[in-house]
Amino acid sequence: MRPRSPPLPFHRSPRRQIPAACCLLLLLSLLPLPSAAAKSSTRAITDNEIREKKNACYADIENGLWGFACRSSATEKENCVLRCASPECYNLIYGGDPLEEGELDYIRGQEYKYCMVKLSLGESLDGVKGSFNYS
């Protein structure tokens, strides 16, 4: 019988550290980041940025990502676009009373944009609804 050789000293190979580093990066990437709505900014969202958001929402709706109901009429599509661009502002301004067929509501449209500006600045939305009443 042949004598056994002594065990080699244990050492970590650099190859074993790579998967650990990948796992660490993966775990860090899963940590929640503050949402854009929660961040406060020194600059308000512009009309162009609002238009870009709405155009992206129109594209999503046309591609069927929001279901058939959002494509059933121009008014339903507009309600879906407003909900898509800013769910929080939509619920605040239109939540209980969505746009109806043929309705043009300039005042609520202004309140919605004002809400998006306040949201982009991280400000409170208190007082947004009803701020443009021209009675």
C-alpha atoms as a PDB file:
ATOM      1  CA  MET A   1       0.000   0.000   0.000  1.00  0.00           C
ATOM      2  CA  ARG A   2       1.196   3.367  -0.947  1.00  0.00           C
ATOM      3  CA  PRO A   3       1.494   6.065   1.745  1.00  0.00           C
ATOM      4  CA  ARG A   4      -0.883   8.990   1.449  1.00  0.00           C
ATOM      5  CA  SER A   5       0.570  12.344   0.686  1.00  0.00           C
ATOM      6  CA  PRO A   6      -0.056  15.076   3.242  1.00  0.00           C
ATOM      7  CA  PRO A   7      -3.056  17.321   2.521  1.00  0.00           C
ATOM      8  CA  LEU A   8      -2.369  20.508   0.647  1.00  0.00           C
ATOM      9  CA  PRO A   9      -2.913  23.749   2.537  1.00  0.00           C
ATOM     10  CA  PHE A  10      -6.404  25.168   2.013  1.00  0.00           C
ATOM     11  CA  HIS A  11      -6.507  28.406   0.084  1.00  0.00           C
ATOM     12  CA  ARG A  12      -9.189  30.263  -1.785  1.00  0.00           C
ATOM     13  CA  SER A  13      -8.892  30.405  -5.458  1.00  0.00           C
ATOM     14  CA  PRO A  14      -9.722  33.709  -7.208  1.00  0.00           C
ATOM     15  CA  ARG A  15     -12.251  31.798  -9.307  1.00  0.00           C
ATOM     16  CA  ARG A  16     -14.425  31.191  -6.245  1.00  0.00           C
ATOM     17  CA  GLN A  17     -14.540  34.891  -5.433  1.00  0.00           C
ATOM     18  CA  ILE A  18     -16.083  35.829  -8.778  1.00  0.00           C
ATOM     19  CA  PRO A  19     -19.437  34.101  -8.165  1.00  0.00           C
ATOM     20  CA  ALA A  20     -19.577  35.661  -4.700  1.00  0.00           C
ATOM     21  CA  ALA A  21     -18.971  39.105  -6.198  1.00  0.00           C
ATOM     22  CA  CYS A  22     -21.695  38.483  -8.789  1.00  0.00           C
ATOM     23  CA  CYS A  23     -24.137  37.441  -6.067  1.00  0.00           C
ATOM     24  CA  LEU A  24     -23.316  40.575  -4.085  1.00  0.00           C
ATOM     25  CA  LEU A  25     -23.920  42.785  -7.127  1.00  0.00           C
ATOM     26  CA  LEU A  26     -27.182  40.989  -7.831  1.00  0.00           C
ATOM     27  CA  LEU A  27     -28.375  41.503  -4.258  1.00  0.00           C
ATOM     28  CA  LEU A  28     -27.430  45.175  -4.343  1.00  0.00           C
ATOM     29  CA  SER A  29     -29.312  45.652  -7.611  1.00  0.00           C
ATOM     30  CA  LEU A  30     -32.478  44.295  -5.965  1.00  0.00           C
ATOM     31  CA  LEU A  31     -32.469  46.892  -3.194  1.00  0.00           C
ATOM     32  CA  PRO A  32     -35.307  49.378  -3.567  1.00  0.00           C
ATOM     33  CA  LEU A  33     -34.318  52.735  -4.921  1.00  0.00           C
ATOM     34  CA  PRO A  34     -36.276  55.905  -4.195  1.00  0.00           C
ATOM     35  CA  SER A  35     -38.887  56.448  -6.886  1.00  0.00           C
ATOM     36  CA  ALA A  36     -38.825  59.509  -9.126  1.00  0.00           C
ATOM     37  CA  ALA A  37     -42.033  60.688  -7.499  1.00  0.00           C
ATOM     38  CA  ALA A  38     -40.455  60.542  -4.043  1.00  0.00           C
ATOM     39  CA  LYS A  39     -37.386  62.548  -5.031  1.00  0.00           C
ATOM     40  CA  SER A  40     -37.459  66.256  -4.706  1.00  0.00           C
ATOM     41  CA  SER A  41     -36.015  68.188  -7.581  1.00  0.00           C
ATOM     42  CA  THR A  42     -34.830  71.714  -8.016  1.00  0.00           C
ATOM     43  CA  ARG A  43     -36.507  71.818 -11.414  1.00  0.00           C
ATOM     44  CA  ALA A  44     -40.145  71.299 -12.262  1.00  0.00           C
ATOM     45  CA  ILE A  45     -41.239  68.975 -15.037  1.00  0.00           C
ATOM     46  CA  THR A  46     -41.636  70.895 -18.300  1.00  0.00           C
ATOM     47  CA  ASP A  47     -44.547  70.872 -20.734  1.00  0.00           C
ATOM     48  CA  ASN A  48     -42.300  69.025 -23.210  1.00  0.00           C
ATOM     49  CA  GLU A  49     -41.515  66.328 -20.638  1.00  0.00           C
ATOM     50  CA  ILE A  50     -45.210  65.935 -19.834  1.00  0.00           C
ATOM     51  CA  ARG A  51     -45.934  65.646 -23.570  1.00  0.00           C
ATOM     52  CA  GLU A  52     -43.172  63.013 -23.936  1.00  0.00           C
ATOM     53  CA  LYS A  53     -44.629  60.995 -21.055  1.00  0.00           C
ATOM     54  CA  LYS A  54     -48.092  61.168 -22.576  1.00  0.00           C
ATOM     55  CA  ASN A  55     -46.766  60.193 -26.028  1.00  0.00           C
ATOM     56  CA  ALA A  56     -45.059  57.138 -24.502  1.00  0.00           C
ATOM     57  CA  CYS A  57     -48.379  56.250 -22.863  1.00  0.00           C
ATOM     58  CA  TYR A  58     -50.239  56.648 -26.185  1.00  0.00           C
ATOM     59  CA  ALA A  59     -47.722  54.225 -27.749  1.00  0.00           C
ATOM     60  CA  ASP A  60     -48.215  51.693 -24.941  1.00  0.00           C
ATOM     61  CA  ILE A  61     -51.985  51.904 -25.331  1.00  0.00           C
ATOM     62  CA  GLU A  62     -51.779  51.499 -29.114  1.00  0.00           C
ATOM     63  CA  ASN A  63     -49.577  48.434 -28.571  1.00  0.00           C
ATOM     64  CA  GLY A  64     -52.302  46.893 -26.424  1.00  0.00           C
ATOM     65  CA  LEU A  65     -50.441  47.066 -23.117  1.00  0.00           C
ATOM     66  CA  TRP A  66     -53.419  48.687 -21.375  1.00  0.00           C
ATOM     67  CA  GLY A  67     -56.103  46.374 -22.763  1.00  0.00           C
ATOM     68  CA  PHE A  68     -59.002  46.818 -25.150  1.00  0.00           C
ATOM     69  CA  ALA A  69     -60.999  49.196 -22.931  1.00  0.00           C
ATOM     70  CA  CYS A  70     -58.328  51.879 -23.357  1.00  0.00           C
ATOM     71  CA  ARG A  71     -58.664  51.636 -27.125  1.00  0.00           C
ATOM     72  CA  SER A  72     -62.457  51.529 -27.256  1.00  0.00           C
ATOM     73  CA  SER A  73     -62.910  55.287 -27.702  1.00  0.00           C
ATOM     74  CA  ALA A  74     -60.918  58.508 -27.829  1.00  0.00           C
ATOM     75  CA  THR A  75     -62.181  59.497 -24.390  1.00  0.00           C
ATOM     76  CA  GLU A  76     -61.282  56.148 -22.825  1.00  0.00           C
ATOM     77  CA  LYS A  77     -57.851  56.407 -24.436  1.00  0.00           C
ATOM     78  CA  GLU A  78     -57.367  59.889 -22.947  1.00  0.00           C
ATOM     79  CA  ASN A  79     -58.398  58.663 -19.484  1.00  0.00           C
ATOM     80  CA  CYS A  80     -55.884  55.812 -19.791  1.00  0.00           C
ATOM     81  CA  VAL A  81     -53.130  58.162 -20.979  1.00  0.00           C
ATOM     82  CA  LEU A  82     -53.707  60.463 -18.011  1.00  0.00           C
ATOM     83  CA  ARG A  83     -53.687  57.466 -15.648  1.00  0.00           C
ATOM     84  CA  CYS A  84     -50.513  56.121 -17.269  1.00  0.00           C
ATOM     85  CA  ALA A  85     -48.601  59.427 -17.185  1.00  0.00           C
ATOM     86  CA  SER A  86     -49.326  60.027 -13.487  1.00  0.00           C
ATOM     87  CA  PRO A  87     -51.560  57.623 -11.582  1.00  0.00           C
ATOM     88  CA  GLU A  88     -51.371  59.764  -8.440  1.00  0.00           C
ATOM     89  CA  CYS A  89     -52.473  62.944 -10.243  1.00  0.00           C
ATOM     90  CA  TYR A  90     -55.159  61.086 -12.194  1.00  0.00           C
ATOM     91  CA  ASN A  91     -56.647  59.697  -8.984  1.00  0.00           C
ATOM     92  CA  LEU A  92     -56.536  63.095  -7.328  1.00  0.00           C
ATOM     93  CA  ILE A  93     -58.065  65.095 -10.197  1.00  0.00           C
ATOM     94  CA  TYR A  94     -60.184  62.610 -12.182  1.00  0.00           C
ATOM     95  CA  GLY A  95     -60.460  59.588  -9.841  1.00  0.00           C
ATOM     96  CA  GLY A  96     -64.155  59.682  -9.032  1.00  0.00           C
ATOM     97  CA  ASP A  97     -65.235  61.501 -12.194  1.00  0.00           C
ATOM     98  CA  PRO A  98     -63.345  60.455 -15.349  1.00  0.00           C
ATOM     99  CA  LEU A  99     -63.696  62.327 -18.613  1.00  0.00           C
ATOM    100  CA  GLU A 100     -66.918  61.508 -20.440  1.00  0.00           C
ATOM    101  CA  GLU A 101     -67.524  61.239 -24.175  1.00  0.00           C
ATOM    102  CA  GLY A 102     -67.179  64.632 -25.826  1.00  0.00           C
ATOM    103  CA  GLU A 103     -66.167  66.382 -22.587  1.00  0.00           C
ATOM    104  CA  LEU A 104     -63.417  68.976 -22.672  1.00  0.00           C
ATOM    105  CA  ASP A 105     -62.441  69.984 -19.167  1.00  0.00           C
ATOM    106  CA  TYR A 106     -59.870  72.761 -19.331  1.00  0.00           C
ATOM    107  CA  ILE A 107     -59.878  73.416 -15.575  1.00  0.00           C
ATOM    108  CA  ARG A 108     -59.166  69.805 -14.588  1.00  0.00           C
ATOM    109  CA  GLY A 109     -56.542  69.636 -17.335  1.00  0.00           C
ATOM    110  CA  GLN A 110     -54.737  72.581 -15.742  1.00  0.00           C
ATOM    111  CA  GLU A 111     -55.055  71.027 -12.289  1.00  0.00           C
ATOM    112  CA  TYR A 112     -53.606  67.776 -13.628  1.00  0.00           C
ATOM    113  CA  LYS A 113     -50.562  69.575 -15.083  1.00  0.00           C
ATOM    114  CA  TYR A 114     -50.151  71.567 -11.861  1.00  0.00           C
ATOM    115  CA  CYS A 115     -50.266  68.290  -9.924  1.00  0.00           C
ATOM    116  CA  MET A 116     -47.516  66.812 -12.118  1.00  0.00           C
ATOM    117  CA  VAL A 117     -45.348  69.898 -11.538  1.00  0.00           C
ATOM    118  CA  LYS A 118     -45.849  69.718  -7.748  1.00  0.00           C
ATOM    119  CA  LEU A 119     -45.161  65.982  -7.794  1.00  0.00           C
ATOM    120  CA  SER A 120     -41.945  66.481  -9.783  1.00  0.00           C
ATOM    121  CA  LEU A 121     -40.745  68.952  -7.152  1.00  0.00           C
ATOM    122  CA  GLY A 122     -41.599  66.565  -4.325  1.00  0.00           C
ATOM    123  CA  GLU A 123     -44.128  69.015  -2.920  1.00  0.00           C
ATOM    124  CA  SER A 124     -47.398  68.257  -1.187  1.00  0.00           C
ATOM    125  CA  LEU A 125     -50.451  67.846  -3.411  1.00  0.00           C
ATOM    126  CA  ASP A 126     -52.710  69.495  -0.848  1.00  0.00           C
ATOM    127  CA  GLY A 127     -54.780  72.220  -2.453  1.00  0.00           C
ATOM    128  CA  VAL A 128     -54.140  71.122  -6.057  1.00  0.00           C
ATOM    129  CA  LYS A 129     -57.703  69.950  -6.671  1.00  0.00           C
ATOM    130  CA  GLY A 130     -59.900  73.017  -6.956  1.00  0.00           C
ATOM    131  CA  SER A 131     -56.990  75.429  -7.364  1.00  0.00           C
ATOM    132  CA  PHE A 132     -58.141  76.506 -10.840  1.00  0.00           C
ATOM    133  CA  ASN A 133     -61.849  77.058 -10.183  1.00  0.00           C
ATOM    134  CA  TYR A 134     -62.939  80.145 -12.129  1.00  0.00           C
ATOM    135  CA  SER A 135     -66.295  80.816 -10.500  1.00  0.00           C
END
